[in-house]
Amino acid sequence: VASLARAELSEVLAAWAGLGYYARARNLHACARTVAEDRGGRFPET
């Protein structure tokens, strides 16, 4: 999750191209940054 959080959004969108529903890729990137920056890289358990 830390490496994904460091990526540029444009890189993530390019890697996602063809999977469709691109809001998922934007949220994926935002979620990675939230987990890495606000939760020390750990996903909540509940």
All heavy atoms as atom14 arrays in JSON, in Angstrom:
{
  "sequence": "VASLARAELSEVLAAWAGLGYYARARNLHACARTVAEDRGGRFPET",
  "atom14_mask": [
    [1, 1, 1, 1, 1, 1, 1, 0, 0, 0, 0, 0, 0, 0],
    [1, 1, 1, 1, 1, 0, 0, 0, 0, 0, 0, 0, 0, 0],
    [1, 1, 1, 1, 1, 1, 0, 0, 0, 0, 0, 0, 0, 0],
    [1, 1, 1, 1, 1, 1, 1, 1, 0, 0, 0, 0, 0, 0],
    [1, 1, 1, 1, 1, 0, 0, 0, 0, 0, 0, 0, 0, 0],
    [1, 1, 1, 1, 1, 1, 1, 1, 1, 1, 1, 0, 0, 0],
    [1, 1, 1, 1, 1, 0, 0, 0, 0, 0, 0, 0, 0, 0],
    [1, 1, 1, 1, 1, 1, 1, 1, 1, 0, 0, 0, 0, 0],
    [1, 1, 1, 1, 1, 1, 1, 1, 0, 0, 0, 0, 0, 0],
    [1, 1, 1, 1, 1, 1, 0, 0, 0, 0, 0, 0, 0, 0],
    [1, 1, 1, 1, 1, 1, 1, 1, 1, 0, 0, 0, 0, 0],
    [1, 1, 1, 1, 1, 1, 1, 0, 0, 0, 0, 0, 0, 0],
    [1, 1, 1, 1, 1, 1, 1, 1, 0, 0, 0, 0, 0, 0],
    [1, 1, 1, 1, 1, 0, 0, 0, 0, 0, 0, 0, 0, 0],
    [1, 1, 1, 1, 1, 0, 0, 0, 0, 0, 0, 0, 0, 0],
    [1, 1, 1, 1, 1, 1, 1, 1, 1, 1, 1, 1, 1, 1],
    [1, 1, 1, 1, 1, 0, 0, 0, 0, 0, 0, 0, 0, 0],
    [1, 1, 1, 1, 0, 0, 0, 0, 0, 0, 0, 0, 0, 0],
    [1, 1, 1, 1, 1, 1, 1, 1, 0, 0, 0, 0, 0, 0],
    [1, 1, 1, 1, 0, 0, 0, 0, 0, 0, 0, 0, 0, 0],
    [1, 1, 1, 1, 1, 1, 1, 1, 1, 1, 1, 1, 0, 0],
    [1, 1, 1, 1, 1, 1, 1, 1, 1, 1, 1, 1, 0, 0],
    [1, 1, 1, 1, 1, 0, 0, 0, 0, 0, 0, 0, 0, 0],
    [1, 1, 1, 1, 1, 1, 1, 1, 1, 1, 1, 0, 0, 0],
    [1, 1, 1, 1, 1, 0, 0, 0, 0, 0, 0, 0, 0, 0],
    [1, 1, 1, 1, 1, 1, 1, 1, 1, 1, 1, 0, 0, 0],
    [1, 1, 1, 1, 1, 1, 1, 1, 0, 0, 0, 0, 0, 0],
    [1, 1, 1, 1, 1, 1, 1, 1, 0, 0, 0, 0, 0, 0],
    [1, 1, 1, 1, 1, 1, 1, 1, 1, 1, 0, 0, 0, 0],
    [1, 1, 1, 1, 1, 0, 0, 0, 0, 0, 0, 0, 0, 0],
    [1, 1, 1, 1, 1, 1, 0, 0, 0, 0, 0, 0, 0, 0],
    [1, 1, 1, 1, 1, 0, 0, 0, 0, 0, 0, 0, 0, 0],
    [1, 1, 1, 1, 1, 1, 1, 1, 1, 1, 1, 0, 0, 0],
    [1, 1, 1, 1, 1, 1, 1, 0, 0, 0, 0, 0, 0, 0],
    [1, 1, 1, 1, 1, 1, 1, 0, 0, 0, 0, 0, 0, 0],
    [1, 1, 1, 1, 1, 0, 0, 0, 0, 0, 0, 0, 0, 0],
    [1, 1, 1, 1, 1, 1, 1, 1, 1, 0, 0, 0, 0, 0],
    [1, 1, 1, 1, 1, 1, 1, 1, 0, 0, 0, 0, 0, 0],
    [1, 1, 1, 1, 1, 1, 1, 1, 1, 1, 1, 0, 0, 0],
    [1, 1, 1, 1, 0, 0, 0, 0, 0, 0, 0, 0, 0, 0],
    [1, 1, 1, 1, 0, 0, 0, 0, 0, 0, 0, 0, 0, 0],
    [1, 1, 1, 1, 1, 1, 1, 1, 1, 1, 1, 0, 0, 0],
    [1, 1, 1, 1, 1, 1, 1, 1, 1, 1, 1, 0, 0, 0],
    [1, 1, 1, 1, 1, 1, 1, 0, 0, 0, 0, 0, 0, 0],
    [1, 1, 1, 1, 1, 1, 1, 1, 1, 0, 0, 0, 0, 0],
    [1, 1, 1, 1, 1, 1, 1, 0, 0, 0, 0, 0, 0, 0]
  ],
  "atom14_positions": [
    [[0.82, -1.2, 0.0], [0.0, 0.0, 0.0], [0.86, 1.26, 0.0], [0.48, 2.29, -0.58], [-0.99, -0.02, 1.18], [-0.29, 0.21, 2.51], [-2.11, 1.0, 0.98], [0.0, 0.0, 0.0], [0.0, 0.0, 0.0], [0.0, 0.0, 0.0], [0.0, 0.0, 0.0], [0.0, 0.0, 0.0], [0.0, 0.0, 0.0], [0.0, 0.0, 0.0]],
    [[2.03, 1.21, 0.61], [2.9, 2.38, 0.64], [3.4, 2.75, -0.75], [3.43, 3.93, -1.13], [4.09, 2.12, 1.58], [0.0, 0.0, 0.0], [0.0, 0.0, 0.0], [0.0, 0.0, 0.0], [0.0, 0.0, 0.0], [0.0, 0.0, 0.0], [0.0, 0.0, 0.0], [0.0, 0.0, 0.0], [0.0, 0.0, 0.0], [0.0, 0.0, 0.0]],
    [[3.78, 1.75, -1.54], [4.27, 2.03, -2.89], [3.15, 2.55, -3.78], [3.36, 3.44, -4.61], [4.91, 0.78, -3.5], [4.0, -0.3, -3.54], [0.0, 0.0, 0.0], [0.0, 0.0, 0.0], [0.0, 0.0, 0.0], [0.0, 0.0, 0.0], [0.0, 0.0, 0.0], [0.0, 0.0, 0.0], [0.0, 0.0, 0.0], [0.0, 0.0, 0.0]],
    [[1.94, 2.02, -3.62], [0.81, 2.52, -4.4], [0.47, 3.95, -4.0], [0.13, 4.79, -4.85], [-0.4, 1.6, -4.21], [-1.67, 1.95, -4.99], [-1.39, 2.01, -6.49], [-2.78, 0.94, -4.7], [0.0, 0.0, 0.0], [0.0, 0.0, 0.0], [0.0, 0.0, 0.0], [0.0, 0.0, 0.0], [0.0, 0.0, 0.0], [0.0, 0.0, 0.0]],
    [[0.58, 4.26, -2.72], [0.31, 5.62, -2.25], [1.29, 6.62, -2.84], [0.94, 7.79, -3.08], [0.35, 5.66, -0.73], [0.0, 0.0, 0.0], [0.0, 0.0, 0.0], [0.0, 0.0, 0.0], [0.0, 0.0, 0.0], [0.0, 0.0, 0.0], [0.0, 0.0, 0.0], [0.0, 0.0, 0.0], [0.0, 0.0, 0.0], [0.0, 0.0, 0.0]],
    [[2.52, 6.2, -3.08], [3.54, 7.1, -3.63], [3.39, 7.33, -5.13], [3.97, 8.25, -5.69], [4.94, 6.55, -3.34], [5.36, 6.62, -1.88], [6.85, 6.35, -1.73], [7.22, 5.01, -2.19], [7.26, 3.94, -1.4], [6.94, 4.04, -0.12], [7.61, 2.76, -1.9], [0.0, 0.0, 0.0], [0.0, 0.0, 0.0], [0.0, 0.0, 0.0]],
    [[2.63, 6.47, -5.8], [2.48, 6.57, -7.26], [1.69, 7.83, -7.63], [0.89, 8.34, -6.84], [1.77, 5.34, -7.79], [0.0, 0.0, 0.0], [0.0, 0.0, 0.0], [0.0, 0.0, 0.0], [0.0, 0.0, 0.0], [0.0, 0.0, 0.0], [0.0, 0.0, 0.0], [0.0, 0.0, 0.0], [0.0, 0.0, 0.0], [0.0, 0.0, 0.0]],
    [[1.92, 8.32, -8.83], [1.11, 9.41, -9.36], [-0.23, 8.86, -9.84], [-0.3, 7.73, -10.34], [1.83, 10.09, -10.52], [3.11, 10.81, -10.14], [2.85, 11.99, -9.21], [1.77, 12.62, -9.32], [3.72, 12.28, -8.36], [0.0, 0.0, 0.0], [0.0, 0.0, 0.0], [0.0, 0.0, 0.0], [0.0, 0.0, 0.0], [0.0, 0.0, 0.0]],
    [[-1.27, 9.66, -9.7], [-2.59, 9.21, -10.15], [-2.57, 8.84, -11.63], [-3.2, 7.87, -12.04], [-3.64, 10.29, -9.88], [-5.06, 9.98, -10.38], [-5.61, 8.7, -9.76], [-5.99, 11.16, -10.11], [0.0, 0.0, 0.0], [0.0, 0.0, 0.0], [0.0, 0.0, 0.0], [0.0, 0.0, 0.0], [0.0, 0.0, 0.0], [0.0, 0.0, 0.0]],
    [[-1.84, 9.6, -12.43], [-1.79, 9.33, -13.87], [-1.21, 7.94, -14.15], [-1.64, 7.25, -15.08], [-0.95, 10.39, -14.59], [0.38, 10.43, -14.07], [0.0, 0.0, 0.0], [0.0, 0.0, 0.0], [0.0, 0.0, 0.0], [0.0, 0.0, 0.0], [0.0, 0.0, 0.0], [0.0, 0.0, 0.0], [0.0, 0.0, 0.0], [0.0, 0.0, 0.0]],
    [[-0.24, 7.51, -13.32], [0.33, 6.17, -13.48], [-0.71, 5.09, -13.18], [-0.81, 4.08, -13.89], [1.53, 5.98, -12.55], [2.72, 6.87, -12.79], [3.8, 6.6, -11.76], [3.72, 7.13, -10.65], [4.73, 5.82, -12.07], [0.0, 0.0, 0.0], [0.0, 0.0, 0.0], [0.0, 0.0, 0.0], [0.0, 0.0, 0.0], [0.0, 0.0, 0.0]],
    [[-1.46, 5.31, -12.12], [-2.47, 4.33, -11.72], [-3.58, 4.26, -12.78], [-4.03, 3.16, -13.14], [-3.06, 4.7, -10.34], [-4.19, 3.74, -9.96], [-1.97, 4.69, -9.28], [0.0, 0.0, 0.0], [0.0, 0.0, 0.0], [0.0, 0.0, 0.0], [0.0, 0.0, 0.0], [0.0, 0.0, 0.0], [0.0, 0.0, 0.0], [0.0, 0.0, 0.0]],
    [[-4.0, 5.41, -13.3], [-5.03, 5.42, -14.33], [-4.55, 4.72, -15.59], [-5.31, 3.99, -16.24], [-5.45, 6.86, -14.64], [-6.27, 7.57, -13.57], [-6.42, 9.04, -13.9], [-7.63, 6.91, -13.4], [0.0, 0.0, 0.0], [0.0, 0.0, 0.0], [0.0, 0.0, 0.0], [0.0, 0.0, 0.0], [0.0, 0.0, 0.0], [0.0, 0.0, 0.0]],
    [[-3.28, 4.93, -15.95], [-2.74, 4.26, -17.14], [-2.71, 2.75, -16.95], [-3.03, 1.99, -17.87], [-1.34, 4.79, -17.44], [0.0, 0.0, 0.0], [0.0, 0.0, 0.0], [0.0, 0.0, 0.0], [0.0, 0.0, 0.0], [0.0, 0.0, 0.0], [0.0, 0.0, 0.0], [0.0, 0.0, 0.0], [0.0, 0.0, 0.0], [0.0, 0.0, 0.0]],
    [[-2.33, 2.3, -15.75], [-2.29, 0.86, -15.48], [-3.7, 0.27, -15.45], [-3.9, -0.91, -15.72], [-1.58, 0.59, -14.15], [0.0, 0.0, 0.0], [0.0, 0.0, 0.0], [0.0, 0.0, 0.0], [0.0, 0.0, 0.0], [0.0, 0.0, 0.0], [0.0, 0.0, 0.0], [0.0, 0.0, 0.0], [0.0, 0.0, 0.0], [0.0, 0.0, 0.0]],
    [[-4.68, 1.1, -15.1], [-6.07, 0.65, -14.99], [-6.77, 0.61, -16.35], [-7.79, -0.07, -16.5], [-6.82, 1.58, -14.04], [-8.14, 1.07, -13.59], [-9.34, 1.21, -14.23], [-8.42, 0.33, -12.39], [-10.35, 0.61, -13.51], [-9.8, 0.07, -12.37], [-7.63, -0.12, -11.34], [-10.41, -0.63, -11.33], [-8.23, -0.8, -10.3], [-9.6, -1.06, -10.31]],
    [[-6.26, 1.34, -17.32], [-6.95, 1.52, -18.61], [-7.41, 0.19, -19.17], [-6.65, -0.77, -19.26], [-6.03, 2.22, -19.6], [0.0, 0.0, 0.0], [0.0, 0.0, 0.0], [0.0, 0.0, 0.0], [0.0, 0.0, 0.0], [0.0, 0.0, 0.0], [0.0, 0.0, 0.0], [0.0, 0.0, 0.0], [0.0, 0.0, 0.0], [0.0, 0.0, 0.0]],
    [[-8.69, 0.14, -19.56], [-9.28, -1.07, -20.1], [-10.14, -1.83, -19.12], [-10.97, -2.63, -19.53], [0.0, 0.0, 0.0], [0.0, 0.0, 0.0], [0.0, 0.0, 0.0], [0.0, 0.0, 0.0], [0.0, 0.0, 0.0], [0.0, 0.0, 0.0], [0.0, 0.0, 0.0], [0.0, 0.0, 0.0], [0.0, 0.0, 0.0], [0.0, 0.0, 0.0]],
    [[-9.98, -1.57, -17.81], [-10.8, -2.25, -16.81], [-12.14, -1.55, -16.6], [-13.05, -2.12, -16.01], [-10.06, -2.33, -15.47], [-8.98, -3.41, -15.36], [-8.26, -3.31, -14.02], [-9.58, -4.8, -15.51], [0.0, 0.0, 0.0], [0.0, 0.0, 0.0], [0.0, 0.0, 0.0], [0.0, 0.0, 0.0], [0.0, 0.0, 0.0], [0.0, 0.0, 0.0]],
    [[-12.26, -0.3, -17.05], [-13.53, 0.41, -16.94], [-13.83, 0.9, -15.53], [-13.1, 0.64, -14.59], [0.0, 0.0, 0.0], [0.0, 0.0, 0.0], [0.0, 0.0, 0.0], [0.0, 0.0, 0.0], [0.0, 0.0, 0.0], [0.0, 0.0, 0.0], [0.0, 0.0, 0.0], [0.0, 0.0, 0.0], [0.0, 0.0, 0.0], [0.0, 0.0, 0.0]],
    [[-14.94, 1.65, -15.43], [-15.37, 2.2, -14.13], [-14.19, 2.9, -13.44], [-13.74, 2.51, -12.37], [-15.94, 1.09, -13.23], [-17.14, 0.4, -13.84], [-16.99, -0.74, -14.62], [-18.42, 0.9, -13.64], [-18.09, -1.37, -15.19], [-19.53, 0.28, -14.21], [-19.35, -0.86, -14.98], [-20.43, -1.47, -15.55], [0.0, 0.0, 0.0], [0.0, 0.0, 0.0]],
    [[-13.71, 3.95, -14.08], [-12.44, 4.56, -13.68], [-12.49, 5.28, -12.34], [-11.44, 5.58, -11.77], [-11.95, 5.49, -14.8], [-11.63, 4.7, -16.04], [-12.55, 4.59, -17.09], [-10.44, 4.0, -16.15], [-12.28, 3.83, -18.21], [-10.15, 3.23, -17.27], [-11.07, 3.15, -18.3], [-10.8, 2.39, -19.4], [0.0, 0.0, 0.0], [0.0, 0.0, 0.0]],
    [[-13.68, 5.54, -11.82], [-13.76, 6.08, -10.46], [-13.12, 5.11, -9.47], [-12.59, 5.52, -8.43], [-15.21, 6.36, -10.09], [0.0, 0.0, 0.0], [0.0, 0.0, 0.0], [0.0, 0.0, 0.0], [0.0, 0.0, 0.0], [0.0, 0.0, 0.0], [0.0, 0.0, 0.0], [0.0, 0.0, 0.0], [0.0, 0.0, 0.0], [0.0, 0.0, 0.0]],
    [[-13.17, 3.82, -9.79], [-12.54, 2.82, -8.91], [-11.04, 3.07, -8.8], [-10.45, 2.93, -7.73], [-12.79, 1.41, -9.44], [-14.22, 0.95, -9.33], [-14.36, -0.46, -9.85], [-13.98, -0.58, -11.24], [-13.6, -1.72, -11.84], [-13.54, -2.83, -11.14], [-13.3, -1.74, -13.12], [0.0, 0.0, 0.0], [0.0, 0.0, 0.0], [0.0, 0.0, 0.0]],
    [[-10.4, 3.41, -9.93], [-8.96, 3.65, -9.91], [-8.63, 4.91, -9.12], [-7.64, 4.94, -8.37], [-8.44, 3.77, -11.34], [0.0, 0.0, 0.0], [0.0, 0.0, 0.0], [0.0, 0.0, 0.0], [0.0, 0.0, 0.0], [0.0, 0.0, 0.0], [0.0, 0.0, 0.0], [0.0, 0.0, 0.0], [0.0, 0.0, 0.0], [0.0, 0.0, 0.0]],
    [[-9.43, 5.95, -9.28], [-9.19, 7.17, -8.51], [-9.37, 6.91, -7.02], [-8.58, 7.36, -6.19], [-10.13, 8.29, -8.98], [-9.93, 8.66, -10.45], [-10.62, 9.96, -10.79], [-12.06, 9.92, -10.6], [-12.93, 9.49, -11.51], [-12.5, 9.03, -12.67], [-14.23, 9.51, -11.28], [0.0, 0.0, 0.0], [0.0, 0.0, 0.0], [0.0, 0.0, 0.0]],
    [[-10.42, 6.16, -6.67], [-10.64, 5.84, -5.27], [-9.58, 4.89, -4.72], [-9.2, 4.96, -3.55], [-12.03, 5.21, -5.09], [-13.13, 6.25, -5.16], [-12.94, 7.4, -4.78], [-14.3, 5.85, -5.64], [0.0, 0.0, 0.0], [0.0, 0.0, 0.0], [0.0, 0.0, 0.0], [0.0, 0.0, 0.0], [0.0, 0.0, 0.0], [0.0, 0.0, 0.0]],
    [[-9.1, 3.98, -5.58], [-8.03, 3.07, -5.18], [-6.81, 3.86, -4.73], [-6.22, 3.6, -3.67], [-7.68, 2.15, -6.34], [-6.63, 1.07, -6.08], [-7.31, -0.17, -5.49], [-5.91, 0.68, -7.37], [0.0, 0.0, 0.0], [0.0, 0.0, 0.0], [0.0, 0.0, 0.0], [0.0, 0.0, 0.0], [0.0, 0.0, 0.0], [0.0, 0.0, 0.0]],
    [[-6.44, 4.83, -5.54], [-5.28, 5.67, -5.23], [-5.52, 6.49, -3.97], [-4.65, 6.58, -3.09], [-4.98, 6.57, -6.43], [-3.71, 7.33, -6.31], [-3.67, 8.7, -6.16], [-2.41, 6.91, -6.28], [-2.41, 9.1, -6.07], [-1.63, 8.04, -6.14], [0.0, 0.0, 0.0], [0.0, 0.0, 0.0], [0.0, 0.0, 0.0], [0.0, 0.0, 0.0]],
    [[-6.71, 7.08, -3.86], [-7.04, 7.88, -2.67], [-7.05, 7.02, -1.41], [-6.59, 7.45, -0.35], [-8.39, 8.56, -2.86], [0.0, 0.0, 0.0], [0.0, 0.0, 0.0], [0.0, 0.0, 0.0], [0.0, 0.0, 0.0], [0.0, 0.0, 0.0], [0.0, 0.0, 0.0], [0.0, 0.0, 0.0], [0.0, 0.0, 0.0], [0.0, 0.0, 0.0]],
    [[-7.57, 5.81, -1.53], [-7.62, 4.9, -0.38], [-6.2, 4.51, 0.04], [-5.9, 4.46, 1.26], [-8.43, 3.66, -0.73], [-8.66, 2.51, 0.65], [0.0, 0.0, 0.0], [0.0, 0.0, 0.0], [0.0, 0.0, 0.0], [0.0, 0.0, 0.0], [0.0, 0.0, 0.0], [0.0, 0.0, 0.0], [0.0, 0.0, 0.0], [0.0, 0.0, 0.0]],
    [[-5.34, 4.21, -0.91], [-3.96, 3.85, -0.58], [-3.28, 4.97, 0.18], [-2.56, 4.73, 1.17], [-3.19, 3.51, -1.85], [0.0, 0.0, 0.0], [0.0, 0.0, 0.0], [0.0, 0.0, 0.0], [0.0, 0.0, 0.0], [0.0, 0.0, 0.0], [0.0, 0.0, 0.0], [0.0, 0.0, 0.0], [0.0, 0.0, 0.0], [0.0, 0.0, 0.0]],
    [[-3.5, 6.2, -0.25], [-2.89, 7.33, 0.44], [-3.47, 7.51, 1.85], [-2.74, 7.84, 2.79], [-3.08, 8.6, -0.4], [-2.25, 8.6, -1.67], [-2.11, 9.94, -2.31], [-1.03, 9.93, -3.28], [-0.69, 10.98, -4.03], [-1.36, 12.12, -3.91], [0.31, 10.89, -4.88], [0.0, 0.0, 0.0], [0.0, 0.0, 0.0], [0.0, 0.0, 0.0]],
    [[-4.76, 7.28, 1.97], [-5.38, 7.4, 3.3], [-4.8, 6.37, 4.25], [-4.44, 6.67, 5.4], [-6.9, 7.23, 3.19], [-7.44, 8.28, 2.38], [-7.56, 7.27, 4.56], [0.0, 0.0, 0.0], [0.0, 0.0, 0.0], [0.0, 0.0, 0.0], [0.0, 0.0, 0.0], [0.0, 0.0, 0.0], [0.0, 0.0, 0.0], [0.0, 0.0, 0.0]],
    [[-4.71, 5.12, 3.8], [-4.18, 4.05, 4.65], [-2.71, 4.3, 4.98], [-2.27, 4.13, 6.13], [-4.37, 2.67, 3.99], [-3.65, 1.58, 4.76], [-5.86, 2.35, 3.87], [0.0, 0.0, 0.0], [0.0, 0.0, 0.0], [0.0, 0.0, 0.0], [0.0, 0.0, 0.0], [0.0, 0.0, 0.0], [0.0, 0.0, 0.0], [0.0, 0.0, 0.0]],
    [[-1.93, 4.72, 3.99], [-0.49, 4.91, 4.2], [-0.2, 6.13, 5.08], [0.68, 6.07, 5.96], [0.21, 5.07, 2.85], [0.0, 0.0, 0.0], [0.0, 0.0, 0.0], [0.0, 0.0, 0.0], [0.0, 0.0, 0.0], [0.0, 0.0, 0.0], [0.0, 0.0, 0.0], [0.0, 0.0, 0.0], [0.0, 0.0, 0.0], [0.0, 0.0, 0.0]],
    [[-0.94, 7.2, 4.84], [-0.61, 8.46, 5.53], [-1.34, 8.62, 6.86], [-0.8, 9.23, 7.78], [-0.94, 9.63, 4.59], [-0.07, 9.65, 3.34], [-0.57, 10.64, 2.3], [-1.49, 11.43, 2.63], [-0.04, 10.64, 1.17], [0.0, 0.0, 0.0], [0.0, 0.0, 0.0], [0.0, 0.0, 0.0], [0.0, 0.0, 0.0], [0.0, 0.0, 0.0]],
    [[-2.56, 8.12, 6.94], [-3.37, 8.36, 8.15], [-3.43, 7.15, 9.08], [-3.8, 7.31, 10.25], [-4.8, 8.76, 7.77], [-4.85, 10.04, 6.95], [-3.84, 10.78, 6.96], [-5.88, 10.29, 6.3], [0.0, 0.0, 0.0], [0.0, 0.0, 0.0], [0.0, 0.0, 0.0], [0.0, 0.0, 0.0], [0.0, 0.0, 0.0], [0.0, 0.0, 0.0]],
    [[-3.1, 5.97, 8.55], [-3.25, 4.77, 9.37], [-1.97, 3.95, 9.46], [-1.99, 2.77, 9.78], [-4.39, 3.9, 8.82], [-5.74, 4.61, 8.76], [-6.83, 3.61, 8.44], [-6.89, 2.56, 9.45], [-7.61, 2.64, 10.57], [-8.34, 3.71, 10.82], [-7.62, 1.64, 11.42], [0.0, 0.0, 0.0], [0.0, 0.0, 0.0], [0.0, 0.0, 0.0]],
    [[-0.84, 4.58, 9.12], [0.45, 3.9, 9.25], [0.59, 2.67, 8.37], [1.36, 1.76, 8.67], [0.0, 0.0, 0.0], [0.0, 0.0, 0.0], [0.0, 0.0, 0.0], [0.0, 0.0, 0.0], [0.0, 0.0, 0.0], [0.0, 0.0, 0.0], [0.0, 0.0, 0.0], [0.0, 0.0, 0.0], [0.0, 0.0, 0.0], [0.0, 0.0, 0.0]],
    [[-0.17, 2.63, 7.26], [-0.07, 1.51, 6.33], [-0.88, 0.29, 6.71], [-0.78, -0.74, 6.05], [0.0, 0.0, 0.0], [0.0, 0.0, 0.0], [0.0, 0.0, 0.0], [0.0, 0.0, 0.0], [0.0, 0.0, 0.0], [0.0, 0.0, 0.0], [0.0, 0.0, 0.0], [0.0, 0.0, 0.0], [0.0, 0.0, 0.0], [0.0, 0.0, 0.0]],
    [[-1.71, 0.41, 7.75], [-2.51, -0.73, 8.2], [-3.99, -0.5, 7.88], [-4.55, 0.57, 8.18], [-2.36, -0.94, 9.7], [-0.94, -1.31, 10.12], [-0.86, -1.45, 11.64], [-1.69, -2.55, 12.11], [-1.29, -3.81, 12.19], [-0.06, -4.13, 11.81], [-2.09, -4.76, 12.64], [0.0, 0.0, 0.0], [0.0, 0.0, 0.0], [0.0, 0.0, 0.0]],
    [[-4.61, -1.5, 7.27], [-6.04, -1.42, 6.98], [-6.84, -1.66, 8.26], [-6.46, -2.51, 9.08], [-6.44, -2.47, 5.94], [-6.08, -2.1, 4.54], [-4.81, -2.38, 4.04], [-7.0, -1.48, 3.71], [-4.48, -2.04, 2.74], [-6.68, -1.13, 2.41], [-5.41, -1.41, 1.92], [0.0, 0.0, 0.0], [0.0, 0.0, 0.0], [0.0, 0.0, 0.0]],
    [[-7.95, -0.94, 8.44], [-8.82, -1.23, 9.59], [-9.41, -2.62, 9.46], [-9.56, -3.15, 8.37], [-9.89, -0.14, 9.52], [-9.88, 0.33, 8.1], [-8.47, 0.16, 7.62], [0.0, 0.0, 0.0], [0.0, 0.0, 0.0], [0.0, 0.0, 0.0], [0.0, 0.0, 0.0], [0.0, 0.0, 0.0], [0.0, 0.0, 0.0], [0.0, 0.0, 0.0]],
    [[-9.8, -3.2, 10.6], [-10.24, -4.59, 10.62], [-11.75, -4.77, 10.7], [-12.24, -5.89, 10.56], [-9.58, -5.33, 11.8], [-8.07, -5.35, 11.7], [-7.41, -6.16, 12.81], [-8.14, -6.89, 13.51], [-6.17, -6.08, 12.96], [0.0, 0.0, 0.0], [0.0, 0.0, 0.0], [0.0, 0.0, 0.0], [0.0, 0.0, 0.0], [0.0, 0.0, 0.0]],
    [[-12.49, -3.7, 10.93], [-13.94, -3.83, 11.08], [-14.67, -3.25, 9.87], [-14.16, -2.35, 9.19], [-14.43, -3.1, 12.34], [-14.23, -1.68, 12.17], [-13.68, -3.58, 13.57], [0.0, 0.0, 0.0], [0.0, 0.0, 0.0], [0.0, 0.0, 0.0], [0.0, 0.0, 0.0], [0.0, 0.0, 0.0], [0.0, 0.0, 0.0], [0.0, 0.0, 0.0]]
  ]
}
